[in-house]
Protein backbone atom coordinates (compact mmCIF):
# COMPACT_ATOMS: atom_id res chain seq x y z
CA UNK A 1 -0.18 0.24 -0.15
CA UNK A 2 3.01 2.61 1.01
CA UNK A 3 4.06 2.16 -2.58
CA UNK A 4 0.55 2.84 -4.24
CA UNK A 5 0.60 6.42 -2.08
CA UNK A 6 3.52 7.43 -3.70
CA UNK A 7 2.64 6.35 -7.35
CA UNK A 8 -0.31 8.63 -6.26
CA UNK A 9 1.68 11.45 -5.37
CA UNK A 10 3.93 11.31 -8.75
CA UNK A 11 1.23 11.32 -10.87
CA UNK A 12 -0.60 14.44 -8.75
CA UNK A 13 2.78 16.10 -9.06
CA UNK A 14 2.43 15.27 -13.04
CA UNK A 15 -0.90 16.38 -13.39
CA UNK A 16 -0.38 19.53 -11.59
CA UNK A 17 3.10 20.55 -13.40
CA UNK A 18 1.65 19.37 -16.33
CA UNK A 19 -1.52 21.32 -15.85
CA UNK A 20 0.24 24.64 -15.23
CA UNK A 21 2.52 24.58 -18.00
CA UNK A 22 -0.31 23.96 -20.22
CA UNK A 23 -2.31 26.74 -18.62
CA UNK A 24 0.47 29.14 -19.09
CA UNK A 25 0.61 28.55 -22.73
CA UNK A 26 -3.38 28.94 -22.99
CA UNK A 27 -3.17 31.89 -20.56
CA UNK A 28 -0.71 34.34 -22.57
CA UNK A 29 -2.44 36.12 -26.02
CA UNK A 30 -0.91 35.32 -29.21
CA UNK A 31 0.09 39.05 -30.01
CA UNK A 32 -0.85 39.92 -33.84
CA UNK A 33 1.78 40.78 -36.09
CA UNK A 34 2.85 44.13 -36.56
CA UNK A 35 1.52 45.50 -40.17
CA UNK A 36 4.95 46.33 -41.93
CA UNK A 37 5.07 49.99 -43.50
CA UNK A 38 6.46 50.13 -47.21
CA UNK A 39 9.85 51.16 -46.64
CA UNK A 40 9.98 54.68 -47.77
CA UNK A 41 12.87 55.87 -49.49
CA UNK A 42 15.30 58.89 -47.84
CA UNK A 43 14.91 62.25 -49.20
CA UNK A 44 18.81 61.68 -50.40
CA UNK A 45 18.04 59.26 -52.50
CA UNK A 46 14.42 60.95 -53.73
CA UNK A 47 16.84 64.50 -54.23
CA UNK A 48 19.16 62.40 -56.38
CA UNK A 49 21.83 62.82 -53.95
CA UNK A 50 25.20 60.18 -53.24
CA UNK A 51 25.61 58.45 -49.86
CA UNK A 52 28.72 59.23 -50.36
CA UNK A 53 27.88 63.16 -50.74
CA UNK A 54 25.53 62.54 -47.80
CA UNK A 55 27.82 61.08 -45.35
CA UNK A 56 30.40 63.61 -46.39
CA UNK A 57 28.01 66.53 -45.48
CA UNK A 58 27.06 64.74 -42.39
CA UNK A 59 30.95 64.82 -41.08
CA UNK A 60 30.91 69.09 -42.03
CA UNK A 61 28.27 69.17 -39.75
CA UNK A 62 30.17 67.59 -37.08
CA UNK A 63 33.17 69.36 -37.55
CA UNK A 64 30.94 72.55 -37.40
CA UNK A 65 30.01 71.68 -34.23
CA UNK A 66 33.13 70.45 -32.47
CA UNK A 67 34.64 74.02 -33.81
CA UNK A 68 31.84 75.96 -32.43
CA UNK A 69 31.40 73.88 -29.12
CA UNK A 70 35.72 74.82 -28.75
CA UNK A 71 34.96 78.62 -29.68
CA UNK A 72 31.89 78.57 -26.98
CA UNK A 73 34.47 77.02 -24.47
CA UNK A 74 37.03 79.57 -25.07
CA UNK A 75 36.38 82.06 -21.97
CA UNK A 76 39.30 84.91 -23.64
CA UNK A 77 36.70 85.67 -26.03
CA UNK A 78 34.40 88.33 -26.33
CA UNK A 79 30.49 87.59 -26.85
CA UNK A 80 31.17 89.81 -30.09
CA UNK A 81 34.16 87.71 -30.93
CA UNK A 82 32.59 84.67 -30.30
CA UNK A 83 29.97 85.64 -32.88
CA UNK A 84 32.08 86.36 -35.38
CA UNK A 85 34.21 83.40 -35.25
CA UNK A 86 30.96 81.09 -35.39
CA UNK A 87 30.07 83.10 -38.21
CA UNK A 88 32.83 82.25 -39.99
CA UNK A 89 32.66 78.54 -39.20
CA UNK A 90 29.25 78.40 -40.14
CA UNK A 91 29.95 79.84 -43.80
CA UNK A 92 32.92 77.72 -44.37
CA UNK A 93 30.86 74.73 -43.40
CA UNK A 94 27.88 76.01 -45.74
CA UNK A 95 30.50 76.39 -48.48
CA UNK A 96 32.04 73.03 -48.17
CA UNK A 97 28.40 71.48 -48.36
CA UNK A 98 27.93 73.52 -51.72
CA UNK A 99 30.20 71.95 -53.29
CA UNK A 100 29.00 68.16 -52.06
CA UNK A 101 25.29 69.34 -53.61
CA UNK A 102 23.79 70.92 -56.29
CA UNK A 103 21.55 73.94 -55.50
CA UNK A 104 19.17 71.91 -57.30
CA UNK A 105 19.38 68.63 -54.98
CA UNK A 106 19.14 70.58 -52.03
CA UNK A 107 16.48 72.08 -52.92
CA UNK A 108 14.63 68.99 -53.47
CA UNK A 109 16.14 67.87 -50.43
CA UNK A 110 14.89 70.37 -48.25
CA UNK A 111 11.03 69.82 -49.96
CA UNK A 112 11.07 66.30 -48.85
CA UNK A 113 12.19 67.10 -45.65
CA UNK A 114 9.56 69.65 -44.90
CA UNK A 115 6.95 67.24 -46.58
CA UNK A 116 7.72 64.83 -44.71
CA UNK A 117 7.98 66.99 -41.69
CA UNK A 118 4.68 68.57 -42.40
CA UNK A 119 3.04 64.99 -41.64
CA UNK A 120 4.64 64.09 -38.66
CA UNK A 121 4.34 67.44 -36.14
CA UNK A 122 7.46 68.05 -33.22
CA UNK A 123 6.92 66.06 -29.92
CA UNK A 124 5.60 68.79 -27.40
CA UNK A 125 8.73 70.06 -25.33
CA UNK A 126 10.95 69.79 -27.83
CA UNK A 127 12.00 72.79 -29.62
CA UNK A 128 15.37 74.54 -30.39
CA UNK A 129 15.96 78.02 -29.09
CA UNK A 130 18.63 80.06 -27.99
CA UNK A 131 22.08 80.82 -29.14
CA UNK A 132 24.73 77.93 -30.26
CA UNK A 133 26.50 78.83 -26.73
CA UNK A 134 23.77 77.81 -24.63
CA UNK A 135 22.36 81.63 -24.07
CA UNK A 136 18.67 82.10 -24.19
CA UNK A 137 18.49 85.01 -26.18
CA UNK A 138 20.40 87.26 -28.14
CA UNK A 139 20.74 91.22 -27.25
CA UNK A 140 19.17 93.48 -29.26
CA UNK A 141 21.34 94.96 -32.40
CA UNK A 142 23.99 97.57 -31.02
CA UNK A 143 23.64 96.65 -27.00
CA UNK A 144 26.38 93.95 -25.29
CA UNK A 145 25.28 91.23 -23.62
CA UNK A 146 25.98 92.01 -19.70
CA UNK A 147 28.77 89.69 -18.12
CA UNK A 148 26.80 86.71 -17.35
CA UNK A 149 25.70 86.97 -13.35
CA UNK A 150 25.32 90.53 -13.48
CA UNK A 151 22.15 92.27 -14.82
CA UNK A 152 22.79 95.52 -16.86
CA UNK A 153 20.59 97.80 -15.13
CA UNK A 154 19.39 101.92 -15.37
CA UNK A 155 22.12 103.10 -13.20
CA UNK A 156 25.02 101.16 -15.07
CA UNK A 157 26.49 103.52 -18.24
CA UNK A 158 26.23 101.52 -21.77
CA UNK A 159 29.17 101.30 -24.13
CA UNK A 160 29.37 104.94 -26.18
CA UNK A 161 27.59 106.75 -23.08
CA UNK A 162 29.15 108.73 -20.62
CA UNK A 163 28.49 108.73 -16.93
CA UNK A 164 25.97 111.19 -16.00
CA UNK A 165 26.83 113.52 -13.20
């Protein structure tokens, strides 16, 4: 009889384990296969630009960002010197990129990107603003930015003005 009780216990454990394995298979719903969207040709291909030209253009963009970051980090430069150097860096980058892509290709690329951007509005909270060195607003023309942390008050004389006594 002890042998029968042992066999009964083993059979009960096999049933429990087997039913739990079967239940776990039944309990999980089968996820539908995602619908594959047709592959959209990149805008640079639509515009007739080679992959090599786009890779070179990306390299120019990276170099430009690196050079601008170095100018921003240079504490020896005044705000005007930074703006001038950044303008020069951007002009050089523009010339390099214009040599890679023809004006008609550039127009086609921008038109394609604009069309696709209109179909996908930007996510809320993601917006670009401020200057390349992290400043939040540019000073009005003719007025220099006050040194950081020192707001310009009416009592502070502006450049090219003599203090009034």
